[in-house]
Amino acid sequence: MITGRRGNRNWGKLLPPAPSVLTEFEMQVARLGLKRSEYSASVALRRWCERNHSRVYVPEWLLDEWGMHVETSFGRAV
């Protein structure tokens, strides 16, 4: 009597690449239709970053250019 083979039949096979996921910042840039060279001049992007820079990823070079600082404290102050 022959039984089914044991083990993982996919052992050693390459996995398909994982799909890339856009950050909130990248989605906002796409909504606004901006190129990287236009980021710092965009008033709409700057306003969005002012509201969200402590909550979502924004490139550090852009924060530095606009003089924004990320809040690093979480929770309530003691």
Protein backbone atom coordinates (compact mmCIF):
# COMPACT_ATOMS: atom_id res chain seq x y z
CA MET A 1 0.00 0.00 0.00
CA ILE A 2 1.42 3.39 -1.05
CA THR A 3 0.41 6.39 1.02
CA GLY A 4 0.69 10.08 0.18
CA ARG A 5 4.09 11.68 0.41
CA ARG A 6 4.89 13.42 3.62
CA GLY A 7 6.39 16.88 3.98
CA ASN A 8 6.07 20.19 2.21
CA ARG A 9 6.06 19.62 -1.55
CA ASN A 10 6.93 23.34 -2.05
CA TRP A 11 10.17 22.99 -0.05
CA GLY A 12 12.98 24.78 -1.85
CA LYS A 13 10.78 26.54 -4.40
CA LEU A 14 10.98 30.30 -4.69
CA LEU A 15 8.02 32.26 -3.38
CA PRO A 16 6.35 34.85 -5.59
CA PRO A 17 7.32 38.42 -4.66
CA ALA A 18 5.09 40.08 -2.10
CA PRO A 19 2.94 42.92 -3.44
CA SER A 20 4.23 46.36 -2.57
CA VAL A 21 2.03 48.48 -0.33
CA LEU A 22 1.97 52.26 -0.64
CA THR A 23 2.35 54.42 2.45
CA GLU A 24 -0.26 57.08 3.27
CA PHE A 25 2.27 59.70 2.17
CA GLU A 26 2.77 58.00 -1.21
CA MET A 27 -0.99 57.74 -1.72
CA GLN A 28 -1.40 61.46 -0.96
CA VAL A 29 1.39 62.35 -3.38
CA ALA A 30 -0.33 60.24 -6.06
CA ARG A 31 -3.71 61.94 -5.35
CA LEU A 32 -2.07 65.32 -5.81
CA GLY A 33 -0.17 64.17 -8.91
CA LEU A 34 3.19 65.42 -7.64
CA LYS A 35 6.72 64.55 -8.71
CA ARG A 36 9.46 64.34 -6.08
CA SER A 37 10.90 67.68 -7.23
CA GLU A 38 7.50 69.31 -6.54
CA TYR A 39 6.97 68.05 -2.97
CA SER A 40 8.48 70.99 -1.10
CA ALA A 41 6.66 73.62 -3.21
CA SER A 42 3.21 72.04 -2.80
CA VAL A 43 0.98 73.95 -0.38
CA ALA A 44 -1.60 71.13 -0.31
CA LEU A 45 1.04 68.51 0.57
CA ARG A 46 2.51 70.74 3.26
CA ARG A 47 -0.92 71.20 4.89
CA TRP A 48 -1.52 67.45 4.78
CA CYS A 49 1.90 66.81 6.35
CA GLU A 50 1.26 69.40 9.08
CA ARG A 51 -1.87 67.48 10.09
CA ASN A 52 -0.42 63.98 9.75
CA HIS A 53 3.37 64.04 10.19
CA SER A 54 3.23 62.63 13.73
CA ARG A 55 0.82 59.87 12.68
CA VAL A 56 2.12 58.59 9.33
CA TYR A 57 5.45 58.32 7.51
CA VAL A 58 6.72 61.50 5.89
CA PRO A 59 10.29 61.57 4.47
CA GLU A 60 12.73 63.08 6.94
CA TRP A 61 14.33 65.33 4.33
CA LEU A 62 10.94 66.93 3.68
CA LEU A 63 10.22 67.42 7.39
CA ASP A 64 13.65 69.05 7.78
CA GLU A 65 13.03 71.31 4.80
CA TRP A 66 9.74 72.52 6.28
CA GLY A 67 11.08 72.69 9.85
CA MET A 68 8.58 70.16 11.20
CA HIS A 69 9.35 67.96 14.18
CA VAL A 70 7.74 64.61 14.92
CA GLU A 71 6.17 64.04 18.33
CA THR A 72 7.83 61.00 19.81
CA SER A 73 5.84 60.74 23.03
CA PHE A 74 2.90 58.40 23.02
CA GLY A 75 0.12 58.25 25.57
CA ARG A 76 -0.46 60.78 28.27
CA ALA A 77 2.22 62.76 30.02
CA VAL A 78 3.11 61.72 33.55
